[in-house]
Amino acid sequence: RRFEAKGLGHAMMKKAMICLLAGSAMLGGSANAAVFPAFGKAAGQNTQVVQVQATDPSLRIQQLEEQVRNLTGQVEDLGFQMLQMEEKIRKMQEDMEFRLQ
């Protein structure tokens, strides 16, 4: 089956973003680093997440915009990784079918 890449990617990105935002809201800011330790880190890099609630609405908006940018980057990275895995699976299936003929 072939899907329209643009339409599928956009819908998938929206669903992933909603899931990430919902999970972030349910877990709270500091829990995200513990639950998703691989996000935003290079291999072997220890980072500590410190989240401060802003009292100034414009500062809070800037923090939320930054969080959305970070989550969007994570969604794009995960989408790319998923495409790579799908391609590997497709190649493995083709190889298996060829070997079984």
C-alpha atoms as a PDB file:
ATOM      1  CA  ARG A   1       0.000   0.000   0.000  1.00  0.00           C
ATOM      2  CA  ARG A   2       1.176   3.447  -0.826  1.00  0.00           C
ATOM      3  CA  PHE A   3       0.010   6.494   1.112  1.00  0.00           C
ATOM      4  CA  GLU A   4       0.212  10.107   0.140  1.00  0.00           C
ATOM      5  CA  ALA A   5       3.327  11.105   2.064  1.00  0.00           C
ATOM      6  CA  LYS A   6       2.341  14.707   2.710  1.00  0.00           C
ATOM      7  CA  GLY A   7      -1.169  13.962   3.996  1.00  0.00           C
ATOM      8  CA  LEU A   8      -0.105  11.010   6.128  1.00  0.00           C
ATOM      9  CA  GLY A   9       2.851  12.871   7.591  1.00  0.00           C
ATOM     10  CA  HIS A  10       0.786  15.891   8.543  1.00  0.00           C
ATOM     11  CA  ALA A  11      -1.937  13.809  10.201  1.00  0.00           C
ATOM     12  CA  MET A  12       0.639  11.658  11.956  1.00  0.00           C
ATOM     13  CA  MET A  13       2.516  14.732  13.158  1.00  0.00           C
ATOM     14  CA  LYS A  14      -0.694  16.258  14.537  1.00  0.00           C
ATOM     15  CA  LYS A  15      -1.545  13.041  16.411  1.00  0.00           C
ATOM     16  CA  ALA A  16       1.966  12.702  17.793  1.00  0.00           C
ATOM     17  CA  MET A  17       2.006  16.347  18.888  1.00  0.00           C
ATOM     18  CA  ILE A  18      -1.346  15.939  20.629  1.00  0.00           C
ATOM     19  CA  CYS A  19      -0.087  12.815  22.401  1.00  0.00           C
ATOM     20  CA  LEU A  20       3.130  14.531  23.475  1.00  0.00           C
ATOM     21  CA  LEU A  21       1.287  17.603  24.734  1.00  0.00           C
ATOM     22  CA  ALA A  22      -1.309  15.508  26.549  1.00  0.00           C
ATOM     23  CA  GLY A  23       1.395  13.383  28.137  1.00  0.00           C
ATOM     24  CA  SER A  24       3.326  16.480  29.100  1.00  0.00           C
ATOM     25  CA  ALA A  25       0.258  18.018  30.720  1.00  0.00           C
ATOM     26  CA  MET A  26      -0.627  14.816  32.582  1.00  0.00           C
ATOM     27  CA  LEU A  27       2.888  14.107  33.832  1.00  0.00           C
ATOM     28  CA  GLY A  28       3.971  17.616  34.683  1.00  0.00           C
ATOM     29  CA  GLY A  29       7.159  19.341  33.575  1.00  0.00           C
ATOM     30  CA  SER A  30       9.763  17.572  35.699  1.00  0.00           C
ATOM     31  CA  ALA A  31       8.367  14.097  35.014  1.00  0.00           C
ATOM     32  CA  ASN A  32       8.983  14.440  31.281  1.00  0.00           C
ATOM     33  CA  ALA A  33      12.751  14.179  31.682  1.00  0.00           C
ATOM     34  CA  ALA A  34      12.385  10.963  33.659  1.00  0.00           C
ATOM     35  CA  VAL A  35       9.820   9.347  31.360  1.00  0.00           C
ATOM     36  CA  PHE A  36      11.417  10.453  28.090  1.00  0.00           C
ATOM     37  CA  PRO A  37      15.148  10.491  28.907  1.00  0.00           C
ATOM     38  CA  ALA A  38      16.243  10.225  25.271  1.00  0.00           C
ATOM     39  CA  PHE A  39      14.474  13.405  24.146  1.00  0.00           C
ATOM     40  CA  GLY A  40      16.829  16.263  23.578  1.00  0.00           C
ATOM     41  CA  LYS A  41      19.986  14.447  24.681  1.00  0.00           C
ATOM     42  CA  ALA A  42      22.995  13.202  22.824  1.00  0.00           C
ATOM     43  CA  ALA A  43      24.406   9.816  23.803  1.00  0.00           C
ATOM     44  CA  GLY A  44      26.142   9.952  27.152  1.00  0.00           C
ATOM     45  CA  GLN A  45      25.009  13.499  27.884  1.00  0.00           C
ATOM     46  CA  ASN A  46      23.484  14.240  31.286  1.00  0.00           C
ATOM     47  CA  THR A  47      21.161  17.212  31.348  1.00  0.00           C
ATOM     48  CA  GLN A  48      18.938  18.464  34.096  1.00  0.00           C
ATOM     49  CA  VAL A  49      15.587  20.034  33.288  1.00  0.00           C
ATOM     50  CA  VAL A  50      14.555  22.937  35.473  1.00  0.00           C
ATOM     51  CA  GLN A  51      11.124  24.391  34.821  1.00  0.00           C
ATOM     52  CA  VAL A  52       9.987  27.635  36.385  1.00  0.00           C
ATOM     53  CA  GLN A  53       6.413  28.896  36.141  1.00  0.00           C
ATOM     54  CA  ALA A  54       6.442  32.429  34.748  1.00  0.00           C
ATOM     55  CA  THR A  55       4.202  35.036  36.313  1.00  0.00           C
ATOM     56  CA  ASP A  56       4.476  37.438  33.369  1.00  0.00           C
ATOM     57  CA  PRO A  57       2.037  36.353  30.610  1.00  0.00           C
ATOM     58  CA  SER A  58       4.404  37.356  27.781  1.00  0.00           C
ATOM     59  CA  LEU A  59       7.239  35.370  29.376  1.00  0.00           C
ATOM     60  CA  ARG A  60       4.912  32.384  29.802  1.00  0.00           C
ATOM     61  CA  ILE A  61       3.938  32.626  26.127  1.00  0.00           C
ATOM     62  CA  GLN A  62       7.625  32.609  25.163  1.00  0.00           C
ATOM     63  CA  GLN A  63       8.195  29.529  27.330  1.00  0.00           C
ATOM     64  CA  LEU A  64       5.214  27.760  25.755  1.00  0.00           C
ATOM     65  CA  GLU A  65       6.393  28.678  22.250  1.00  0.00           C
ATOM     66  CA  GLU A  66       9.823  27.239  23.061  1.00  0.00           C
ATOM     67  CA  GLN A  67       8.221  24.078  24.398  1.00  0.00           C
ATOM     68  CA  VAL A  68       6.132  23.730  21.229  1.00  0.00           C
ATOM     69  CA  ARG A  69       9.290  24.170  19.099  1.00  0.00           C
ATOM     70  CA  ASN A  70      11.076  21.488  21.107  1.00  0.00           C
ATOM     71  CA  LEU A  71       8.132  19.100  20.895  1.00  0.00           C
ATOM     72  CA  THR A  72       7.793  19.744  17.167  1.00  0.00           C
ATOM     73  CA  GLY A  73      11.463  18.841  16.725  1.00  0.00           C
ATOM     74  CA  GLN A  74      10.940  15.660  18.721  1.00  0.00           C
ATOM     75  CA  VAL A  75       7.912  14.736  16.602  1.00  0.00           C
ATOM     76  CA  GLU A  76       9.903  15.314  13.413  1.00  0.00           C
ATOM     77  CA  ASP A  77      12.793  13.192  14.725  1.00  0.00           C
ATOM     78  CA  LEU A  78      10.456  10.378  15.719  1.00  0.00           C
ATOM     79  CA  GLY A  79       8.666  10.570  12.380  1.00  0.00           C
ATOM     80  CA  PHE A  80      11.998  10.273  10.566  1.00  0.00           C
ATOM     81  CA  GLN A  81      13.016   7.322  12.747  1.00  0.00           C
ATOM     82  CA  MET A  82       9.666   5.677  12.028  1.00  0.00           C
ATOM     83  CA  LEU A  83      10.145   6.111   8.279  1.00  0.00           C
ATOM     84  CA  GLN A  84      13.606   4.547   8.550  1.00  0.00           C
ATOM     85  CA  MET A  85      12.197   1.582  10.468  1.00  0.00           C
ATOM     86  CA  GLU A  86       9.363   1.146   7.971  1.00  0.00           C
ATOM     87  CA  GLU A  87      11.915   1.071   5.147  1.00  0.00           C
ATOM     88  CA  LYS A  88      14.026  -1.525   6.985  1.00  0.00           C
ATOM     89  CA  ILE A  89      10.956  -3.683   7.591  1.00  0.00           C
ATOM     90  CA  ARG A  90       9.932  -3.398   3.941  1.00  0.00           C
ATOM     91  CA  LYS A  91      13.410  -4.470   2.822  1.00  0.00           C
ATOM     92  CA  MET A  92      13.414  -7.359   5.286  1.00  0.00           C
ATOM     93  CA  GLN A  93      10.007  -8.503   4.027  1.00  0.00           C
ATOM     94  CA  GLU A  94      11.169  -8.355   0.414  1.00  0.00           C
ATOM     95  CA  ASP A  95      14.305 -10.297   1.323  1.00  0.00           C
ATOM     96  CA  MET A  96      12.290 -12.924   3.211  1.00  0.00           C
ATOM     97  CA  GLU A  97       9.844 -13.325   0.320  1.00  0.00           C
ATOM     98  CA  PHE A  98      12.746 -13.703  -2.112  1.00  0.00           C
ATOM     99  CA  ARG A  99      14.428 -16.342   0.065  1.00  0.00           C
ATOM    100  CA  LEU A 100      11.197 -18.321   0.460  1.00  0.00           C
ATOM    101  CA  GLN A 101      10.507 -18.502  -3.292  1.00  0.00           C
END
